[in-house]
Structures are given as C-alpha cells and as structure tokens.
N, C-alpha and C. Protein backbone atom coordinates (compact mmCIF):
# COMPACT_ATOMS: atom_id res chain seq x y z
N MET A 1 -2.50 10.57 34.52
CA MET A 1 -1.24 10.42 33.79
C MET A 1 -0.45 11.72 33.78
N GLY A 2 -1.02 12.77 34.33
CA GLY A 2 -0.28 14.01 34.42
C GLY A 2 -0.35 14.89 33.18
N VAL A 3 -1.34 14.66 32.32
CA VAL A 3 -1.52 15.51 31.13
C VAL A 3 -2.99 15.91 31.03
N SER A 4 -3.24 16.98 30.31
CA SER A 4 -4.62 17.48 30.19
C SER A 4 -5.42 16.66 29.18
N VAL A 5 -6.73 16.75 29.31
CA VAL A 5 -7.63 16.10 28.36
C VAL A 5 -7.40 16.69 26.96
N SER A 6 -7.13 17.98 26.92
CA SER A 6 -6.86 18.66 25.65
C SER A 6 -5.65 18.05 24.95
N TYR A 7 -4.60 17.76 25.72
CA TYR A 7 -3.39 17.17 25.14
C TYR A 7 -3.69 15.78 24.58
N ILE A 8 -4.42 14.98 25.34
CA ILE A 8 -4.79 13.63 24.88
C ILE A 8 -5.57 13.74 23.58
N SER A 9 -6.50 14.68 23.51
CA SER A 9 -7.29 14.87 22.29
C SER A 9 -6.40 15.24 21.11
N LYS A 10 -5.42 16.11 21.34
CA LYS A 10 -4.50 16.50 20.26
C LYS A 10 -3.68 15.29 19.79
N VAL A 11 -3.24 14.46 20.74
CA VAL A 11 -2.48 13.25 20.38
C VAL A 11 -3.35 12.35 19.52
N GLU A 12 -4.58 12.10 19.97
CA GLU A 12 -5.50 11.21 19.26
C GLU A 12 -5.82 11.70 17.85
N ASN A 13 -5.91 13.01 17.69
CA ASN A 13 -6.33 13.58 16.41
C ASN A 13 -5.18 14.07 15.55
N GLY A 14 -3.95 13.81 15.98
CA GLY A 14 -2.79 14.21 15.19
C GLY A 14 -2.68 15.71 15.01
N LYS A 15 -3.06 16.48 16.02
CA LYS A 15 -3.06 17.94 15.93
C LYS A 15 -1.97 18.57 16.78
N LEU A 16 -0.88 17.87 16.99
CA LEU A 16 0.22 18.41 17.79
C LEU A 16 1.13 19.27 16.93
N HIS A 17 1.70 20.28 17.57
CA HIS A 17 2.69 21.12 16.91
C HIS A 17 4.07 20.56 17.20
N PHE A 18 5.06 20.96 16.39
CA PHE A 18 6.43 20.50 16.59
C PHE A 18 6.84 20.77 18.04
N GLY A 19 7.44 19.81 18.67
CA GLY A 19 7.86 19.95 20.06
C GLY A 19 6.81 19.49 21.06
N ASP A 20 5.58 19.29 20.61
CA ASP A 20 4.51 18.85 21.50
C ASP A 20 4.32 17.33 21.47
N TYR A 21 5.10 16.65 20.66
CA TYR A 21 4.91 15.21 20.51
C TYR A 21 5.16 14.49 21.82
N PRO A 22 4.49 13.38 22.04
CA PRO A 22 4.62 12.67 23.31
C PRO A 22 6.07 12.27 23.59
N SER A 23 6.48 12.45 24.83
CA SER A 23 7.82 12.03 25.24
C SER A 23 7.83 10.53 25.45
N GLU A 24 9.02 9.96 25.51
CA GLU A 24 9.12 8.52 25.79
C GLU A 24 8.55 8.21 27.16
N LYS A 25 8.74 9.13 28.11
CA LYS A 25 8.19 8.93 29.46
C LYS A 25 6.67 8.86 29.41
N PHE A 26 6.04 9.77 28.65
CA PHE A 26 4.58 9.76 28.52
C PHE A 26 4.11 8.47 27.85
N ILE A 27 4.81 8.06 26.80
CA ILE A 27 4.43 6.84 26.08
C ILE A 27 4.55 5.63 26.99
N HIS A 28 5.57 5.61 27.83
CA HIS A 28 5.73 4.52 28.80
C HIS A 28 4.51 4.48 29.74
N LYS A 29 4.11 5.64 30.26
CA LYS A 29 2.94 5.70 31.14
C LYS A 29 1.68 5.25 30.41
N LEU A 30 1.54 5.71 29.17
CA LEU A 30 0.36 5.36 28.37
C LEU A 30 0.31 3.85 28.14
N ALA A 31 1.44 3.26 27.81
CA ALA A 31 1.50 1.81 27.59
C ALA A 31 1.09 1.06 28.85
N ASP A 32 1.57 1.54 30.00
CA ASP A 32 1.20 0.90 31.27
C ASP A 32 -0.31 1.00 31.51
N GLU A 33 -0.86 2.19 31.30
CA GLU A 33 -2.29 2.41 31.54
C GLU A 33 -3.16 1.57 30.60
N LEU A 34 -2.73 1.47 29.35
CA LEU A 34 -3.52 0.76 28.34
C LEU A 34 -3.18 -0.73 28.25
N LYS A 35 -2.17 -1.15 29.01
CA LYS A 35 -1.67 -2.54 28.91
C LYS A 35 -1.28 -2.84 27.46
N ALA A 36 -0.62 -1.85 26.84
CA ALA A 36 -0.23 -1.95 25.43
C ALA A 36 1.27 -2.18 25.31
N ASP A 37 1.70 -2.57 24.13
CA ASP A 37 3.11 -2.80 23.85
C ASP A 37 3.82 -1.45 23.72
N GLU A 38 4.72 -1.16 24.64
CA GLU A 38 5.41 0.13 24.65
C GLU A 38 6.21 0.36 23.37
N ASP A 39 6.92 -0.66 22.89
CA ASP A 39 7.71 -0.50 21.66
C ASP A 39 6.82 -0.14 20.48
N GLU A 40 5.64 -0.77 20.40
CA GLU A 40 4.72 -0.47 19.30
C GLU A 40 4.24 0.98 19.37
N LEU A 41 3.90 1.44 20.58
CA LEU A 41 3.47 2.83 20.74
C LEU A 41 4.60 3.81 20.41
N LEU A 42 5.81 3.48 20.82
CA LEU A 42 6.95 4.34 20.48
C LEU A 42 7.13 4.44 18.98
N LEU A 43 7.04 3.32 18.29
CA LEU A 43 7.19 3.34 16.84
C LEU A 43 6.07 4.13 16.17
N LEU A 44 4.85 4.02 16.68
CA LEU A 44 3.73 4.79 16.14
C LEU A 44 3.95 6.29 16.32
N ALA A 45 4.72 6.66 17.36
CA ALA A 45 5.04 8.07 17.62
C ALA A 45 6.33 8.48 16.92
N ASP A 46 6.80 7.65 15.99
CA ASP A 46 8.05 7.91 15.25
C ASP A 46 9.26 8.01 16.17
N LYS A 47 9.26 7.22 17.23
CA LYS A 47 10.40 7.15 18.15
C LYS A 47 10.94 5.73 18.11
N VAL A 48 12.24 5.62 18.18
CA VAL A 48 12.88 4.30 18.16
C VAL A 48 13.04 3.83 19.60
N PRO A 49 12.45 2.67 19.94
CA PRO A 49 12.60 2.15 21.29
C PRO A 49 14.08 1.98 21.67
N GLY A 50 14.39 2.21 22.94
CA GLY A 50 15.76 2.15 23.41
C GLY A 50 16.47 0.85 23.08
N SER A 51 15.78 -0.27 23.20
CA SER A 51 16.42 -1.57 22.93
C SER A 51 16.82 -1.69 21.46
N ILE A 52 16.00 -1.14 20.57
CA ILE A 52 16.31 -1.18 19.14
C ILE A 52 17.41 -0.18 18.83
N ARG A 53 17.31 1.02 19.42
CA ARG A 53 18.33 2.05 19.22
C ARG A 53 19.72 1.52 19.61
N LYS A 54 19.77 0.79 20.73
CA LYS A 54 21.04 0.21 21.20
C LYS A 54 21.62 -0.74 20.16
N ARG A 55 20.77 -1.61 19.60
CA ARG A 55 21.25 -2.57 18.59
C ARG A 55 21.71 -1.86 17.33
N ILE A 56 21.00 -0.80 16.93
CA ILE A 56 21.40 -0.04 15.74
C ILE A 56 22.78 0.57 15.96
N ARG A 57 23.01 1.11 17.15
CA ARG A 57 24.32 1.70 17.45
C ARG A 57 25.43 0.65 17.46
N GLN A 58 25.10 -0.56 17.87
CA GLN A 58 26.09 -1.63 17.90
C GLN A 58 26.43 -2.14 16.50
N ARG A 59 25.44 -2.12 15.59
CA ARG A 59 25.62 -2.68 14.25
C ARG A 59 25.08 -1.74 13.17
N PRO A 60 25.56 -0.51 13.09
CA PRO A 60 24.96 0.45 12.16
C PRO A 60 25.01 0.02 10.70
N GLU A 61 26.10 -0.61 10.26
CA GLU A 61 26.20 -1.00 8.86
C GLU A 61 25.15 -2.06 8.51
N LEU A 62 24.90 -2.98 9.41
CA LEU A 62 23.87 -4.00 9.18
C LEU A 62 22.50 -3.34 8.97
N PHE A 63 22.16 -2.38 9.82
CA PHE A 63 20.86 -1.72 9.70
C PHE A 63 20.77 -0.85 8.45
N ARG A 64 21.89 -0.26 8.04
CA ARG A 64 21.89 0.49 6.78
C ARG A 64 21.57 -0.44 5.61
N ARG A 65 22.17 -1.62 5.63
CA ARG A 65 21.93 -2.58 4.55
C ARG A 65 20.49 -3.10 4.58
N LEU A 66 19.99 -3.39 5.77
CA LEU A 66 18.60 -3.85 5.89
C LEU A 66 17.63 -2.80 5.37
N ALA A 67 17.90 -1.54 5.66
CA ALA A 67 17.02 -0.45 5.24
C ALA A 67 16.94 -0.34 3.72
N LYS A 68 17.95 -0.82 3.02
CA LYS A 68 17.98 -0.73 1.56
C LYS A 68 17.29 -1.91 0.86
N LEU A 69 16.95 -2.95 1.62
CA LEU A 69 16.33 -4.13 1.03
C LEU A 69 14.88 -3.85 0.65
N ASP A 70 14.43 -4.47 -0.45
CA ASP A 70 13.03 -4.32 -0.84
C ASP A 70 12.17 -5.23 0.04
N ASN A 71 10.86 -5.02 0.00
CA ASN A 71 9.94 -5.77 0.87
C ASN A 71 9.98 -7.27 0.64
N ALA A 72 10.10 -7.69 -0.61
CA ALA A 72 10.14 -9.13 -0.90
C ALA A 72 11.36 -9.78 -0.25
N THR A 73 12.50 -9.11 -0.32
CA THR A 73 13.72 -9.65 0.29
C THR A 73 13.59 -9.66 1.81
N LEU A 74 13.01 -8.60 2.38
CA LEU A 74 12.80 -8.58 3.83
C LEU A 74 11.85 -9.69 4.27
N ASP A 75 10.79 -9.92 3.50
CA ASP A 75 9.85 -10.99 3.82
C ASP A 75 10.54 -12.35 3.78
N SER A 76 11.38 -12.55 2.78
CA SER A 76 12.12 -13.81 2.65
C SER A 76 13.06 -13.99 3.84
N LEU A 77 13.74 -12.92 4.21
CA LEU A 77 14.65 -12.97 5.36
C LEU A 77 13.87 -13.28 6.64
N ALA A 78 12.75 -12.62 6.83
CA ALA A 78 11.93 -12.86 8.02
C ALA A 78 11.45 -14.31 8.07
N ALA A 79 11.05 -14.84 6.92
CA ALA A 79 10.60 -16.24 6.87
C ALA A 79 11.74 -17.19 7.24
N SER A 80 12.94 -16.89 6.77
CA SER A 80 14.07 -17.76 7.08
C SER A 80 14.46 -17.68 8.56
N LEU A 81 14.15 -16.56 9.20
CA LEU A 81 14.44 -16.40 10.63
C LEU A 81 13.31 -16.93 11.50
N GLU A 82 12.21 -17.35 10.85
CA GLU A 82 11.04 -17.87 11.55
C GLU A 82 10.54 -16.88 12.60
N ILE A 83 10.35 -15.63 12.18
CA ILE A 83 9.84 -14.60 13.07
C ILE A 83 8.35 -14.84 13.29
N PRO A 84 7.93 -15.05 14.56
CA PRO A 84 6.51 -15.31 14.82
C PRO A 84 5.65 -14.10 14.47
N ASN A 85 4.45 -14.38 14.00
CA ASN A 85 3.45 -13.35 13.65
C ASN A 85 3.89 -12.41 12.53
N TRP A 86 4.88 -12.80 11.75
CA TRP A 86 5.31 -11.97 10.62
C TRP A 86 4.25 -12.07 9.54
N PRO A 87 3.73 -10.92 9.06
CA PRO A 87 2.69 -10.98 8.01
C PRO A 87 3.22 -11.63 6.75
N LYS A 88 2.42 -12.50 6.17
CA LYS A 88 2.85 -13.21 4.96
C LYS A 88 2.15 -12.67 3.76
C-alpha cells in the first residue's frame, strides 16, 4: 500500500501526530485492500466523504438544521424515510 508497518501500527493504535492522519487517497487504498466501505472508513478518520461534502455544499442550511436536531427527532426522521439498517 506504499506505507510502512510503523505507520499502520500508529493508525491502528491512535498514536498519530497532527498532520500524520491518513489521507483520503490512503483510506481509498485501505478500503480496496480490506474490501471495506470507503465512506465508513473516511468518517472514522474524521473526514467527510466527497459525495456527502458535495451535498452539504449544495444544501448547507438543511445540514445546519439537521445538525441541531436531537437524536429522538433524527431517529423519527430516519424512520419516516425508511432508511435501511437504521438502528432502532
């Protein structure tokens, strides 16, 4: 994958310094290697996937309002949208 074993160990153990966090390119490679969901890995690395970032830029006020909703309201909204695999 083009990175050292030491770097992988730091990623796994949360021992990275500022600026050492995995790039989106690295996360993409990692997702391919692990057959994992790239968006999920990006979110775990505190990065917003490009597809979501694009939607936020298109509708910033909507996302601001969603961010202010409490969990019960978000759960109700998710249920009404019939989002598959949404935790109940």
